Amino acid sequence: MRALHLIFLLAGALLASSWATPARACSALARFADGRLDASQALVDCLQLTPVGGRLELPPGLYRLHRPLTIARSVTIATAGTVPNSPGCGQSGSRCATLLLDPRGPTKPRGMAIEVVADRVMLDRLTIRGVGLSGRLRGACAKPEQRPIGGGLRVVGVAGFMMRRSVLRDFTCYTALEVTPGARDLRIEKNLFGPNGDHRPGKMWTDGLTIHDAVGAIVLDNRFVDNTDVQLVLGGCRNCRVERNRLRHSGAFANAAFAELMLHAWPNTSGNFTGTMVADNHIDCGSQRRCGYGIMIGSAPWYPGPAGGGIVTRNVVRNALMAINIDALTAPMEIRGNKVRASGGRHRSDCGVRDWPAVNVSPGSAKLLRGDPSDVTEGTVDTRGCLLARDMVMSD
């Protein structure tokens, strides 16, 4: 806990210092603020003129980026005229400077439109948008090596990344924000993720926030709305806080998701959540039950993978096909005191139509579970290969 407290203090100090640094507005960007011309090179030039530790302010407007952008120095990028107590971007993001990611021409394999490769980058009160579902990226979404270009922002294993009071929306597939293995001390706070992607057949489903494997991450007070793969997914996170996030869906099946909050592992991540607190998150999949799993711990419905460590407590899950699925733990995890409402029942999955419990602890996980998962009685079902809420090919 002392280590988490020190991380929190460090993040606060970094935030305060970003406001103390003199801001610069880059006049070269002015003629691109109506979104008609490609602002890629002008933004690159402005970043190169911003000193390390400096703050680049973008006047409110629409900046269209045809070429991928790499942020390779420690800077803050923010909407001009904002101060620490300024409001966020709003539901539509219209109060903020907007970066419209509209890639054209060749891109590197598995590259994303914006990549952060420097430590201590901060994005403050920005809207970052994709071209939506009708754009040229539909074909890329069907090809594994091209799917990332249909997403938004990648943070490449760096330290001290921060994003606050921003909006990430309208991405075609993959994920709105990806954090690759090795990231340390990132802080994602008070942002809006969504809507992103399409849950219907076509491989256009999209995560909201994807953290592959991190240390000391704080994911706090964010909203996730209509992200269509997994809204918030982590493949390992040691000494992290995932707290007070709100996850929602509107009624259409196109806006549904396979899972809301997922703690698991990919083949290249640890599934290690030692020292992590996942608490006070509120999940509501809506009256149409537009999510498969509310909280998914383990990887069994998709593939084998390790998961263990940490505490999952005081979360609320409503209107999920299965509110909490624990399958399969490979190390002890404390899961207790969560509230479940209006979940479970007869639903279709890869395993056919079955009656599913609202809360499930698979037989192999029971010996590693510490605590009472929720305020309802749990089932004991093996869900290997039984992905809920799908009549499409399996998510990547």
Protein backbone atom coordinates (compact mmCIF):
# COMPACT_ATOMS: atom_id res chain seq x y z
CA MET A 1 0.00 0.00 0.00
CA ARG A 2 2.90 2.36 0.71
CA ALA A 3 4.17 1.77 -2.83
CA LEU A 4 0.74 2.66 -4.27
CA HIS A 5 0.67 5.83 -2.15
CA LEU A 6 4.06 6.90 -3.51
CA ILE A 7 2.88 6.25 -7.08
CA PHE A 8 -0.20 8.41 -6.42
CA LEU A 9 1.92 11.26 -5.07
CA LEU A 10 4.31 11.05 -8.03
CA ALA A 11 1.40 11.21 -10.49
CA GLY A 12 0.04 14.28 -8.71
CA ALA A 13 3.43 15.98 -8.86
CA LEU A 14 3.75 15.29 -12.58
CA LEU A 15 0.29 16.73 -13.18
CA ALA A 16 1.06 19.89 -11.23
CA SER A 17 4.36 20.37 -13.05
CA SER A 18 2.65 20.16 -16.45
CA TRP A 19 0.55 23.21 -15.60
CA ALA A 20 3.56 25.10 -14.24
CA THR A 21 5.48 24.69 -17.51
CA PRO A 22 4.94 27.60 -19.92
CA ALA A 23 2.55 26.62 -22.70
CA ARG A 24 3.14 27.27 -26.36
CA ALA A 25 0.59 27.46 -29.13
CA CYS A 26 1.92 26.56 -32.54
CA SER A 27 0.80 29.08 -35.16
CA ALA A 28 1.52 26.60 -37.98
CA LEU A 29 -1.55 24.62 -36.93
CA ALA A 30 -4.02 27.48 -37.26
CA ARG A 31 -4.89 26.93 -40.91
CA PHE A 32 -5.64 23.23 -40.31
CA ALA A 33 -8.22 23.67 -37.54
CA ASP A 34 -11.24 23.29 -39.85
CA GLY A 35 -10.41 19.65 -40.66
CA ARG A 36 -10.22 20.01 -44.44
CA LEU A 37 -6.45 19.60 -44.87
CA ASP A 38 -4.02 17.02 -43.55
CA ALA A 39 -2.47 18.46 -40.38
CA SER A 40 -0.01 15.57 -39.85
CA GLN A 41 3.23 17.37 -40.74
CA ALA A 42 2.22 20.60 -39.03
CA LEU A 43 1.57 18.73 -35.80
CA VAL A 44 4.90 16.91 -36.08
CA ASP A 45 6.66 20.26 -36.60
CA CYS A 46 4.91 21.74 -33.56
CA LEU A 47 5.94 18.79 -31.39
CA GLN A 48 9.57 19.18 -32.49
CA LEU A 49 9.48 22.84 -31.43
CA THR A 50 8.04 22.00 -28.01
CA PRO A 51 10.81 21.54 -25.43
CA VAL A 52 11.05 18.35 -23.41
CA GLY A 53 8.74 18.80 -20.44
CA GLY A 54 6.82 21.52 -22.30
CA ARG A 55 3.13 21.92 -23.05
CA LEU A 56 1.73 22.15 -26.59
CA GLU A 57 -1.75 23.70 -26.72
CA LEU A 58 -4.14 23.09 -29.62
CA PRO A 59 -6.94 25.62 -30.16
CA PRO A 60 -10.38 23.97 -30.27
CA GLY A 61 -10.97 22.70 -33.78
CA LEU A 62 -10.74 19.59 -35.96
CA TYR A 63 -7.26 18.43 -37.00
CA ARG A 64 -7.30 15.67 -39.62
CA LEU A 65 -4.29 13.32 -39.57
CA HIS A 66 -3.67 11.23 -42.70
CA ARG A 67 -0.30 9.91 -41.52
CA PRO A 68 0.63 8.01 -38.34
CA LEU A 69 1.95 10.21 -35.53
CA THR A 70 4.76 9.17 -33.17
CA ILE A 71 5.11 11.12 -29.91
CA ALA A 72 8.79 10.66 -29.11
CA ARG A 73 9.45 13.32 -26.47
CA SER A 74 8.12 13.99 -22.97
CA VAL A 75 5.48 16.68 -23.52
CA THR A 76 1.93 17.57 -22.59
CA ILE A 77 -0.59 18.01 -25.43
CA ALA A 78 -3.76 19.80 -24.39
CA THR A 79 -6.66 21.91 -25.59
CA ALA A 80 -5.71 25.59 -25.38
CA GLY A 81 -7.16 27.68 -22.60
CA THR A 82 -7.77 24.85 -20.13
CA VAL A 83 -6.68 24.91 -16.50
CA PRO A 84 -6.73 22.16 -13.85
CA ASN A 85 -10.39 22.69 -12.93
CA SER A 86 -11.67 23.05 -16.52
CA PRO A 87 -14.42 20.58 -17.48
CA GLY A 88 -13.74 17.60 -19.72
CA CYS A 89 -14.58 17.33 -23.39
CA GLY A 90 -18.26 16.38 -22.98
CA GLN A 91 -20.15 13.39 -24.34
CA SER A 92 -19.48 14.31 -27.97
CA GLY A 93 -16.01 15.68 -27.31
CA SER A 94 -16.94 19.00 -28.89
CA ARG A 95 -15.43 21.17 -26.15
CA CYS A 96 -11.91 20.00 -26.95
CA ALA A 97 -9.41 20.11 -29.77
CA THR A 98 -10.13 17.02 -31.89
CA LEU A 99 -7.59 14.80 -33.64
CA LEU A 100 -9.38 12.90 -36.41
CA LEU A 101 -7.29 9.83 -37.26
CA ASP A 102 -7.86 9.23 -40.95
CA PRO A 103 -4.90 7.11 -42.16
CA ARG A 104 -4.13 7.11 -45.87
CA GLY A 105 -1.44 5.31 -47.80
CA PRO A 106 1.02 2.67 -46.52
CA THR A 107 1.38 1.95 -42.80
CA LYS A 108 3.83 -0.26 -40.97
CA PRO A 109 2.60 -3.79 -40.11
CA ARG A 110 0.44 -3.79 -36.99
CA GLY A 111 1.06 -0.05 -36.57
CA MET A 112 -1.47 2.28 -34.95
CA ALA A 113 -2.38 5.82 -35.92
CA ILE A 114 -0.80 7.42 -32.82
CA GLU A 115 2.05 5.80 -30.90
CA VAL A 116 3.59 7.16 -27.69
CA VAL A 117 7.21 6.00 -27.35
CA ALA A 118 8.54 8.53 -24.79
CA ASP A 119 8.21 8.53 -21.00
CA ARG A 120 6.05 11.12 -19.23
CA VAL A 121 3.71 12.08 -22.05
CA MET A 122 0.42 13.62 -20.95
CA LEU A 123 -2.73 14.05 -23.03
CA ASP A 124 -5.15 16.45 -21.38
CA ARG A 125 -8.65 17.35 -22.55
CA LEU A 126 -8.35 16.11 -26.11
CA THR A 127 -10.83 14.30 -28.32
CA ILE A 128 -9.26 11.56 -30.44
CA ARG A 129 -11.59 10.14 -33.08
CA GLY A 130 -11.54 7.51 -35.76
CA VAL A 131 -13.38 7.66 -39.08
CA GLY A 132 -16.25 5.50 -37.83
CA LEU A 133 -17.84 2.40 -39.30
CA SER A 134 -18.40 3.55 -42.86
CA GLY A 135 -14.78 4.40 -43.66
CA ARG A 136 -12.12 2.70 -45.74
CA LEU A 137 -10.90 0.65 -42.79
CA ARG A 138 -13.51 -2.11 -42.98
CA GLY A 139 -11.19 -4.23 -45.12
CA ALA A 140 -8.26 -3.72 -42.73
CA CYS A 141 -10.36 -4.98 -39.81
CA ALA A 142 -10.62 -8.43 -41.41
CA LYS A 143 -6.82 -8.84 -41.64
CA PRO A 144 -4.95 -9.49 -38.36
CA GLU A 145 -1.83 -7.59 -39.43
CA GLN A 146 -3.87 -4.52 -40.42
CA ARG A 147 -6.44 -4.42 -37.60
CA PRO A 148 -4.44 -1.99 -35.42
CA ILE A 149 -4.71 0.80 -38.00
CA GLY A 150 -8.48 0.68 -37.37
CA GLY A 151 -7.79 1.56 -33.73
CA GLY A 152 -6.55 4.72 -32.07
CA LEU A 153 -3.68 5.22 -29.66
CA ARG A 154 -0.84 2.91 -28.55
CA VAL A 155 1.40 3.49 -25.51
CA VAL A 156 4.58 1.50 -26.12
CA GLY A 157 5.90 0.20 -22.80
CA VAL A 158 6.82 3.62 -21.39
CA ALA A 159 6.74 5.14 -17.90
CA GLY A 160 4.52 7.89 -16.56
CA PHE A 161 1.98 8.18 -19.39
CA MET A 162 -1.11 10.15 -18.36
CA MET A 163 -4.44 10.81 -20.05
CA ARG A 164 -7.23 12.71 -18.38
CA ARG A 165 -10.62 14.23 -19.20
CA SER A 166 -10.34 13.16 -22.84
CA VAL A 167 -12.58 11.27 -25.29
CA LEU A 168 -11.63 8.31 -27.51
CA ARG A 169 -14.42 7.38 -29.90
CA ASP A 170 -15.49 6.20 -33.37
CA PHE A 171 -12.72 3.69 -33.99
CA THR A 172 -13.51 0.98 -36.50
CA CYS A 173 -11.87 -2.06 -34.85
CA TYR A 174 -9.03 -3.30 -32.58
CA THR A 175 -8.92 -0.92 -29.58
CA ALA A 176 -9.24 2.76 -28.77
CA LEU A 177 -6.20 2.74 -26.42
CA GLU A 178 -3.59 -0.02 -26.23
CA VAL A 179 -0.84 -0.21 -23.59
CA THR A 180 1.89 -2.69 -24.52
CA PRO A 181 3.82 -4.88 -22.02
CA GLY A 182 6.33 -3.11 -19.80
CA ALA A 183 4.40 0.12 -19.15
CA ARG A 184 4.91 1.61 -15.69
CA ASP A 185 3.08 4.15 -13.55
CA LEU A 186 0.49 5.18 -16.12
CA ARG A 187 -2.63 7.07 -15.06
CA ILE A 188 -5.88 6.97 -17.07
CA GLU A 189 -8.41 9.20 -15.32
CA LYS A 190 -11.85 10.73 -16.00
CA ASN A 191 -11.94 9.89 -19.70
CA LEU A 192 -14.75 8.69 -21.96
CA PHE A 193 -14.13 5.59 -24.08
CA GLY A 194 -16.75 5.01 -26.76
CA PRO A 195 -18.67 4.33 -28.78
CA ASN A 196 -16.17 2.19 -30.69
CA GLY A 197 -16.67 -0.57 -33.25
CA ASP A 198 -19.57 -2.85 -34.15
CA HIS A 199 -20.43 -6.12 -32.40
CA ARG A 200 -22.21 -7.62 -35.41
CA PRO A 201 -20.46 -10.10 -37.73
CA GLY A 202 -17.61 -8.51 -39.66
CA LYS A 203 -14.65 -8.42 -37.23
CA MET A 204 -15.24 -4.75 -36.46
CA TRP A 205 -15.49 -5.20 -32.70
CA THR A 206 -13.31 -2.85 -30.65
CA ASP A 207 -11.94 -2.74 -27.09
CA GLY A 208 -12.14 0.48 -25.12
CA LEU A 209 -8.91 0.21 -23.10
CA THR A 210 -6.45 -2.68 -23.53
CA ILE A 211 -3.59 -2.99 -21.03
CA HIS A 212 -1.37 -5.92 -21.89
CA ASP A 213 0.94 -6.08 -18.86
CA ALA A 214 1.77 -3.13 -16.61
CA VAL A 215 3.06 -2.13 -13.20
CA GLY A 216 1.60 0.66 -11.08
CA ALA A 217 -1.25 1.59 -13.44
CA ILE A 218 -4.17 3.69 -12.19
CA VAL A 219 -7.45 3.45 -14.13
CA LEU A 220 -9.84 5.70 -12.24
CA ASP A 221 -13.24 7.35 -12.74
CA ASN A 222 -13.52 6.64 -16.46
CA ARG A 223 -16.68 5.96 -18.46
CA PHE A 224 -16.88 3.13 -21.00
CA VAL A 225 -19.88 3.23 -23.33
CA ASP A 226 -20.58 0.87 -26.26
CA ASN A 227 -17.11 -0.55 -26.80
CA THR A 228 -17.88 -3.72 -28.70
CA ASP A 229 -15.19 -6.33 -27.92
CA VAL A 230 -14.20 -5.97 -24.25
CA GLN A 231 -14.74 -2.57 -22.69
CA LEU A 232 -11.77 -2.74 -20.28
CA VAL A 233 -9.30 -5.64 -20.50
CA LEU A 234 -6.01 -6.34 -18.74
CA GLY A 235 -3.58 -9.18 -19.40
CA GLY A 236 -1.60 -8.58 -16.20
CA CYS A 237 -1.16 -5.61 -13.86
CA ARG A 238 0.90 -5.62 -10.66
CA ASN A 239 0.27 -3.04 -7.93
CA CYS A 240 -2.46 -1.37 -9.98
CA ARG A 241 -5.75 0.36 -9.14
CA VAL A 242 -8.85 -0.13 -11.31
CA GLU A 243 -11.50 1.80 -9.42
CA ARG A 244 -14.75 3.73 -9.77
CA ASN A 245 -15.12 3.18 -13.51
CA ARG A 246 -18.61 3.05 -15.05
CA LEU A 247 -19.36 0.68 -17.93
CA ARG A 248 -22.58 0.95 -19.94
CA HIS A 249 -24.34 -0.19 -23.12
CA SER A 250 -27.18 1.26 -25.15
CA GLY A 251 -29.83 -1.03 -26.56
CA ALA A 252 -28.74 -2.08 -30.07
CA PHE A 253 -26.98 -5.43 -30.58
CA ALA A 254 -24.34 -3.59 -32.65
CA ASN A 255 -23.26 -1.87 -29.41
CA ALA A 256 -22.88 -5.08 -27.38
CA ALA A 257 -19.65 -6.60 -26.02
CA PHE A 258 -18.24 -10.02 -25.23
CA ALA A 259 -17.21 -8.80 -21.74
CA GLU A 260 -17.09 -5.60 -19.71
CA LEU A 261 -14.13 -5.88 -17.31
CA MET A 262 -11.69 -8.71 -17.95
CA LEU A 263 -8.63 -9.87 -15.98
CA HIS A 264 -6.85 -12.59 -17.93
CA ALA A 265 -3.70 -13.23 -20.01
CA TRP A 266 -2.74 -13.29 -23.65
CA PRO A 267 0.04 -15.67 -24.76
CA ASN A 268 2.64 -12.90 -24.25
CA THR A 269 1.40 -11.57 -20.88
CA SER A 270 1.62 -12.76 -17.29
CA GLY A 271 -1.94 -12.77 -15.93
CA ASN A 272 -0.29 -11.58 -12.70
CA PHE A 273 -2.45 -9.16 -10.68
CA THR A 274 -0.49 -9.29 -7.43
CA GLY A 275 -1.04 -6.16 -5.32
CA THR A 276 -3.85 -4.90 -7.58
CA MET A 277 -7.19 -3.57 -6.35
CA VAL A 278 -10.24 -3.78 -8.64
CA ALA A 279 -12.97 -2.04 -6.66
CA ASP A 280 -16.13 0.08 -6.80
CA ASN A 281 -16.62 -0.28 -10.54
CA HIS A 282 -20.23 -0.14 -11.75
CA ILE A 283 -21.31 -2.26 -14.73
CA ASP A 284 -24.76 -2.14 -16.32
CA CYS A 285 -25.27 -3.86 -19.67
CA GLY A 286 -28.78 -2.44 -20.07
CA SER A 287 -32.23 -3.96 -20.16
CA GLN A 288 -31.35 -5.81 -23.39
CA ARG A 289 -28.38 -7.48 -21.63
CA ARG A 290 -25.81 -6.37 -24.18
CA CYS A 291 -22.78 -8.05 -22.61
CA GLY A 292 -21.73 -11.65 -22.20
CA TYR A 293 -19.61 -11.49 -19.04
CA GLY A 294 -19.78 -8.56 -16.63
CA ILE A 295 -16.53 -9.37 -14.81
CA MET A 296 -14.47 -12.09 -16.51
CA ILE A 297 -11.53 -13.50 -14.55
CA GLY A 298 -9.44 -15.96 -16.53
CA SER A 299 -9.38 -16.82 -20.22
CA ALA A 300 -11.19 -20.16 -20.42
CA PRO A 301 -14.04 -19.16 -22.79
CA TRP A 302 -11.40 -18.00 -25.29
CA TYR A 303 -8.24 -20.08 -24.67
CA PRO A 304 -6.04 -21.33 -21.77
CA GLY A 305 -4.22 -18.59 -19.88
CA PRO A 306 -2.97 -17.77 -16.36
CA ALA A 307 -4.73 -15.39 -13.96
CA GLY A 308 -4.25 -14.75 -10.26
CA GLY A 309 -3.38 -12.31 -7.50
CA GLY A 310 -5.01 -9.13 -6.29
CA ILE A 311 -8.43 -8.23 -4.89
CA VAL A 312 -11.77 -7.81 -6.72
CA THR A 313 -14.32 -6.26 -4.39
CA ARG A 314 -17.32 -3.92 -4.02
CA ASN A 315 -18.10 -3.95 -7.73
CA VAL A 316 -21.69 -3.87 -9.00
CA VAL A 317 -22.84 -5.82 -12.07
CA ARG A 318 -26.33 -5.58 -13.59
CA ASN A 319 -27.98 -7.04 -16.68
CA ALA A 320 -25.17 -9.35 -17.84
CA LEU A 321 -25.70 -12.76 -19.38
CA MET A 322 -23.26 -13.90 -16.68
CA ALA A 323 -22.33 -11.27 -14.11
CA ILE A 324 -19.09 -12.80 -12.79
CA ASN A 325 -17.24 -15.71 -14.38
CA ILE A 326 -14.14 -17.07 -12.64
CA ASP A 327 -12.59 -19.55 -15.08
CA ALA A 328 -9.79 -20.32 -14.71
CA LEU A 329 -7.64 -19.13 -11.83
CA THR A 330 -4.06 -20.35 -11.83
CA ALA A 331 -3.00 -18.56 -8.62
CA PRO A 332 -4.93 -17.35 -5.55
CA MET A 333 -7.16 -14.29 -5.95
CA GLU A 334 -9.40 -12.59 -3.40
CA ILE A 335 -12.89 -11.98 -4.83
CA ARG A 336 -15.49 -10.84 -2.33
CA GLY A 337 -18.37 -8.51 -1.59
CA ASN A 338 -19.50 -7.77 -5.16
CA LYS A 339 -23.18 -7.09 -5.91
CA VAL A 340 -25.01 -8.82 -8.76
CA ARG A 341 -28.47 -8.03 -10.14
CA ALA A 342 -30.62 -9.23 -13.07
CA SER A 343 -28.03 -11.59 -14.55
CA GLY A 344 -27.79 -15.24 -15.55
CA GLY A 345 -30.43 -17.38 -17.27
CA ARG A 346 -30.89 -19.32 -20.51
CA HIS A 347 -28.60 -18.02 -23.23
CA ARG A 348 -26.84 -19.16 -26.38
CA SER A 349 -23.10 -19.78 -26.48
CA ASP A 350 -20.56 -21.77 -28.46
CA CYS A 351 -21.66 -24.72 -26.32
CA GLY A 352 -25.31 -24.35 -27.32
CA VAL A 353 -28.28 -22.99 -25.39
CA ARG A 354 -27.87 -23.54 -21.65
CA ASP A 355 -28.98 -22.22 -18.30
CA TRP A 356 -26.09 -20.13 -16.98
CA PRO A 357 -25.58 -18.98 -13.37
CA ALA A 358 -25.36 -15.29 -12.55
CA VAL A 359 -22.02 -15.97 -10.82
CA ASN A 360 -19.76 -18.87 -11.72
CA VAL A 361 -16.68 -20.43 -10.12
CA SER A 362 -15.31 -23.17 -12.34
CA PRO A 363 -14.34 -26.44 -10.63
CA GLY A 364 -10.63 -25.83 -11.16
CA SER A 365 -10.82 -22.30 -9.72
CA ALA A 366 -12.58 -23.08 -6.45
CA LYS A 367 -9.43 -24.09 -4.55
CA LEU A 368 -7.69 -20.83 -5.47
CA LEU A 369 -10.59 -18.49 -4.71
CA ARG A 370 -10.32 -16.45 -1.53
CA GLY A 371 -13.58 -14.97 -0.23
CA ASP A 372 -17.24 -15.00 -1.21
CA PRO A 373 -17.50 -13.60 -4.77
CA SER A 374 -20.90 -11.89 -4.51
CA ASP A 375 -24.22 -11.60 -2.75
CA VAL A 376 -25.81 -14.35 -4.88
CA THR A 377 -25.20 -18.09 -4.99
CA GLU A 378 -22.60 -19.13 -7.49
CA GLY A 379 -22.66 -22.01 -9.95
CA THR A 380 -19.81 -24.41 -10.69
CA VAL A 381 -19.70 -24.61 -14.48
CA ASP A 382 -16.72 -25.25 -16.75
CA THR A 383 -16.94 -22.54 -19.45
CA ARG A 384 -13.97 -23.61 -21.58
CA GLY A 385 -14.82 -22.72 -25.18
CA CYS A 386 -18.26 -21.39 -24.21
CA LEU A 387 -18.21 -17.77 -25.29
CA LEU A 388 -21.50 -16.03 -24.50
CA ALA A 389 -23.27 -13.29 -26.49
CA ARG A 390 -22.09 -14.33 -29.91
CA ASP A 391 -23.37 -15.58 -33.20
CA MET A 392 -20.16 -14.63 -34.98
CA VAL A 393 -16.56 -15.76 -35.22
CA MET A 394 -14.50 -15.64 -32.04
CA SER A 395 -12.89 -12.36 -30.97
CA ASP A 396 -9.17 -11.98 -31.65
